[in-house]
Protein backbone atom coordinates (compact mmCIF):
# COMPACT_ATOMS: atom_id res chain seq x y z
CA ILE A 1 24.34 -3.66 -0.16
CA ALA A 2 26.35 -0.44 0.00
CA GLU A 3 26.14 2.45 2.45
CA THR A 4 26.61 6.19 2.01
CA GLU A 5 26.74 8.87 4.69
CA LEU A 6 23.91 11.42 4.65
CA GLY A 7 24.25 13.89 7.51
CA HIS A 8 24.08 11.90 10.73
CA GLU A 9 22.54 8.84 9.03
CA GLN A 10 23.58 6.13 6.58
CA VAL A 11 21.76 5.33 3.34
CA LEU A 12 21.66 1.59 2.54
CA TRP A 13 21.42 1.00 -1.20
CA SER A 14 22.05 -1.45 -4.04
CA GLU A 15 22.68 -0.93 -7.74
CA CYS A 16 19.88 -2.36 -9.92
CA LEU A 17 18.70 -2.49 -13.52
CA ASP A 18 15.34 -0.96 -14.42
CA GLN A 19 14.28 -1.20 -18.08
CA GLY A 20 17.94 -1.52 -19.08
CA SER A 21 19.10 1.54 -17.11
CA SER A 22 21.26 1.47 -14.01
CA VAL A 23 19.39 2.75 -10.93
CA LEU A 24 19.97 2.86 -7.20
CA LEU A 25 17.58 1.03 -4.89
CA VAL A 26 17.45 2.64 -1.43
CA TRP A 27 16.62 0.02 1.20
CA ASP A 28 16.51 2.33 4.21
CA VAL A 29 18.05 5.34 5.95
CA VAL A 30 19.36 4.41 9.41
CA ARG A 31 21.61 5.54 12.23
CA PRO A 32 25.25 4.36 11.92
CA HIS A 33 25.06 1.98 14.90
CA ARG A 34 22.14 0.13 13.25
CA VAL A 35 23.74 -0.39 9.80
CA LEU A 36 24.90 -3.99 10.32
CA ARG A 37 21.60 -5.04 11.85
CA TYR A 38 19.62 -3.51 8.97
CA MET A 39 21.89 -5.12 6.37
CA GLN A 40 21.23 -8.47 8.03
CA LYS A 41 17.49 -7.79 8.00
CA VAL A 42 17.59 -7.01 4.27
CA ASP A 43 19.38 -10.31 3.60
CA GLU A 44 16.96 -12.20 5.84
CA SER A 45 13.92 -10.63 4.20
CA GLN A 46 15.07 -11.55 0.67
CA SER A 47 15.82 -15.13 1.71
CA ARG A 48 12.12 -15.49 2.63
CA LEU A 49 10.97 -14.90 -0.95
CA ASN A 50 9.55 -17.89 -2.82
CA HIS A 51 10.74 -16.44 -6.13
CA LEU A 52 14.09 -14.63 -6.06
CA PRO A 53 14.43 -11.58 -8.35
CA HIS A 54 16.49 -11.89 -11.51
CA ALA A 55 20.11 -10.70 -11.38
CA SER A 56 22.45 -9.44 -14.09
CA LEU A 57 26.17 -8.89 -13.46
CA GLY A 58 25.49 -8.86 -9.73
CA ARG A 59 22.64 -6.33 -9.99
CA LEU A 60 18.96 -6.93 -9.23
CA VAL A 61 16.66 -6.55 -12.22
CA LEU A 62 13.55 -4.52 -11.43
CA ASP A 63 10.89 -5.76 -13.84
CA HIS A 64 7.14 -6.05 -13.41
CA GLU A 65 7.56 -9.49 -11.82
CA THR A 66 9.95 -8.23 -9.15
CA ILE A 67 8.75 -8.30 -5.55
CA LEU A 68 11.21 -7.30 -2.85
CA LEU A 69 10.75 -7.22 0.91
CA ASP A 70 11.73 -4.36 3.19
CA THR A 71 13.70 -4.74 6.42
CA TRP A 72 10.49 -5.68 8.27
CA GLY A 73 9.45 -8.40 5.82
CA ASN A 74 6.71 -6.40 4.07
CA PRO A 75 6.61 -5.87 0.28
CA LEU A 76 9.02 -3.03 -0.46
CA LYS A 77 7.32 0.05 -1.91
CA LEU A 78 9.48 1.41 -4.73
CA PHE A 79 9.32 5.05 -5.88
CA ARG A 80 11.09 6.74 -8.76
CA LEU A 81 13.50 9.47 -7.66
CA TYR A 82 15.69 11.29 -10.21
CA PRO A 83 19.31 12.27 -9.42
CA GLU A 84 18.61 15.99 -9.03
CA GLU A 85 15.96 15.17 -6.40
CA ALA A 86 17.84 12.47 -4.52
CA SER A 87 19.39 14.38 -1.61
CA GLU A 88 16.24 16.38 -0.88
CA GLY A 89 13.95 13.40 -1.41
CA ILE A 90 15.72 11.06 0.99
CA ALA A 91 16.16 13.73 3.64
CA THR A 92 12.65 15.19 3.55
CA GLY A 93 10.47 12.19 2.70
CA LEU A 94 9.69 13.50 -0.79
CA HIS A 95 9.06 9.86 -1.75
CA SER A 96 5.50 10.21 -0.43
CA LEU A 97 4.67 12.21 -3.59
CA LEU A 98 6.70 10.24 -6.15
CA PRO A 99 5.25 7.79 -8.69
CA GLN A 100 5.35 4.19 -7.52
CA HIS A 101 7.05 1.29 -9.29
CA LEU A 102 4.29 -1.35 -9.64
CA SER A 103 4.70 -5.10 -10.03
CA ARG A 104 2.65 -7.02 -12.61
CA ARG A 105 0.06 -8.11 -10.02
CA GLU A 106 -0.25 -4.55 -8.71
CA ARG A 107 -0.79 -3.29 -12.26
CA GLU A 108 -3.59 -5.84 -12.67
CA VAL A 109 -5.31 -4.43 -9.59
CA VAL A 110 -4.97 -0.88 -10.91
CA ASN A 111 -6.01 -1.59 -14.51
CA THR A 112 -8.78 -4.19 -14.10
CA ALA A 113 -12.17 -2.84 -15.17
CA GLY A 114 -15.03 -3.01 -12.68
CA SER A 115 -14.95 -3.84 -8.99
CA VAL A 116 -11.89 -5.36 -7.32
CA LEU A 117 -11.78 -7.05 -3.89
CA LEU A 118 -8.28 -6.81 -2.45
CA VAL A 119 -7.53 -8.82 0.69
CA GLY A 120 -4.20 -8.86 2.52
CA ARG A 121 -2.57 -8.29 5.87
CA SER A 122 -1.11 -4.98 6.97
CA GLY A 123 1.94 -3.86 4.98
CA THR A 124 1.23 -5.82 1.79
CA GLY A 125 0.56 -2.71 -0.32
CA LYS A 126 -3.25 -2.61 -0.50
CA THR A 127 -3.41 1.13 0.23
CA TYR A 128 -0.89 2.05 -2.48
CA CYS A 129 -2.77 -0.07 -5.04
CA ILE A 130 -5.98 1.76 -4.11
CA ILE A 131 -4.24 5.14 -4.50
CA ASP A 132 -3.12 4.29 -8.04
CA ARG A 133 -6.53 2.80 -8.85
CA MET A 134 -8.27 6.03 -7.79
CA LYS A 135 -5.90 8.05 -9.98
CA GLN A 136 -6.49 5.69 -12.90
CA ASP A 137 -10.27 5.93 -12.62
CA ARG A 138 -10.16 9.74 -12.64
CA ARG A 139 -7.81 9.84 -15.65
CA HIS A 140 -10.09 7.57 -17.68
CA HIS A 141 -13.00 10.01 -17.78
CA THR A 142 -13.22 11.72 -21.16
CA ASP A 143 -12.83 15.47 -21.68
CA GLY A 144 -16.00 17.38 -20.90
CA GLU A 145 -17.40 14.63 -18.69
CA ARG A 146 -17.78 15.04 -14.96
CA PRO A 147 -14.98 13.23 -13.08
CA PRO A 148 -16.13 10.15 -11.13
CA ILE A 149 -17.38 10.62 -7.58
CA GLN A 150 -15.03 8.78 -5.23
CA LEU A 151 -15.28 7.94 -1.55
CA PHE A 152 -12.29 6.62 0.43
CA ILE A 153 -12.99 5.25 3.93
CA ALA A 154 -10.38 3.93 6.38
CA ARG A 155 -10.28 3.19 10.07
CA SER A 156 -7.25 5.42 10.58
CA LYS A 157 -7.04 9.18 10.10
CA ARG A 158 -3.36 8.68 9.28
CA ILE A 159 -4.25 6.42 6.34
CA CYS A 160 -6.83 8.94 5.10
CA ASN A 161 -4.21 11.70 5.18
CA LEU A 162 -1.65 9.49 3.39
CA VAL A 163 -4.06 8.63 0.56
CA LYS A 164 -5.10 12.27 0.19
CA ARG A 165 -1.49 13.52 0.24
CA ARG A 166 -0.39 10.99 -2.39
CA GLN A 167 -3.04 12.43 -4.75
CA SER A 168 -2.47 16.12 -4.06
CA GLY A 169 -2.41 18.21 -7.24
CA GLU A 170 -4.42 15.65 -9.24
CA GLU A 171 -7.37 16.79 -11.33
CA GLY A 172 -10.85 15.75 -10.20
CA LEU A 173 -10.13 15.68 -6.47
CA ASP A 174 -13.08 18.04 -5.89
CA ASN A 175 -15.30 14.99 -6.32
CA THR A 176 -13.26 12.79 -3.96
CA THR A 177 -14.05 12.51 -0.25
CA PHE A 178 -11.75 11.00 2.39
CA LEU A 179 -13.40 9.84 5.62
CA THR A 180 -12.59 7.75 8.66
CA TRP A 181 -15.05 4.98 9.46
CA GLU A 182 -16.40 6.94 12.43
CA ASP A 183 -16.90 10.07 10.28
CA ALA A 184 -18.67 8.02 7.61
CA LEU A 185 -21.09 6.59 10.17
CA ALA A 186 -21.76 10.04 11.62
CA LEU A 187 -22.42 11.40 8.12
CA CYS A 188 -24.91 8.61 7.42
CA GLU A 189 -26.66 9.25 10.72
CA ASN A 190 -26.97 12.99 10.04
CA GLN A 191 -27.98 12.86 6.38
CA MET A 192 -30.07 9.71 6.25
CA GLY A 193 -31.89 10.15 9.53
CA PHE A 194 -30.95 6.97 11.31
CA SER A 195 -28.88 6.38 14.43
CA ALA A 196 -26.23 3.83 15.23
CA PRO A 197 -27.59 0.43 16.28
CA PRO A 198 -27.60 -0.38 20.00
CA PRO A 199 -24.53 -2.18 21.40
CA GLU A 200 -26.43 -5.45 21.85
CA SER A 201 -26.91 -5.71 18.07
CA TYR A 202 -23.16 -5.87 17.33
CA VAL A 203 -21.77 -9.26 16.40
CA ASP A 204 -18.23 -9.68 17.73
CA PHE A 205 -16.19 -12.79 16.93
CA ALA A 206 -17.25 -14.68 20.06
CA ARG A 207 -20.94 -14.11 19.28
CA PHE A 208 -20.41 -14.95 15.60
CA LYS A 209 -18.79 -18.26 16.44
CA ARG A 210 -21.33 -19.07 19.14
CA GLU A 211 -24.55 -18.18 17.30
CA LEU A 212 -23.86 -18.14 13.54
CA TRP A 213 -20.82 -20.20 12.64
CA GLY A 214 -22.59 -23.53 13.11
CA LYS A 215 -25.22 -22.52 10.55
CA LEU A 216 -22.67 -21.26 8.00
CA ARG A 217 -19.93 -23.87 8.31
CA ALA A 218 -21.24 -26.17 5.56
CA SER A 219 -21.33 -23.37 2.99
CA ALA A 220 -17.99 -21.83 4.03
CA ARG A 221 -16.04 -24.48 2.06
CA GLY A 222 -13.33 -25.03 4.62
CA LEU A 223 -12.67 -21.37 5.45
CA ASP A 224 -11.62 -20.49 8.99
CA ALA A 225 -14.29 -18.93 11.22
CA LEU A 226 -12.12 -15.86 11.90
CA VAL A 227 -11.62 -15.25 8.15
CA CYS A 228 -15.39 -15.39 7.55
CA TRP A 229 -16.14 -13.04 10.45
CA VAL A 230 -13.51 -10.48 9.39
CA GLN A 231 -14.65 -10.42 5.76
């Protein structure tokens, strides 16, 4: 891991190979007093991988099987940034609009025809797979046909804004709606003429485990009660 000064911060990077070309992988941009700690966190995060990335002449090889972890132990999101954009991109967060480098499994999610159920904890890259999947679905409509109608719903307004920003400038966005869960419920109430159910009808985890789990356990095939309730 190397470091380069950028204003009042340090860029932590490594030289890699991507499709035979030499590229720079930026791990993070940090304050000088945190450089050693972040370098340690990069090393620790990579040591947790079950399958270490390939290396050639001391450089990581970024192929479609490569999965790297960031300094917090989440799958590292890789974006393509060309040399003439590098200084501005790192300093201004231009990476939020750059094309993403997808692993083989991520490409399967994006390219699989039909419905896809994607389950994972926070930080595993579900949102970025959905962004690329939405782009892919719009690009697949033939000329002269109406672009697909898309609806993106998330709990967080921040996630809605991220997904919308990552698709800014794309064709067909006029038929795409981004809503928070609360906004989606309000829209259903207003347009479909029904109101939210009373509080006593909600099934929280304690009620699920107390009243329903005993009836479902045999058909759950060994799944944990919390997993069943969440899904």
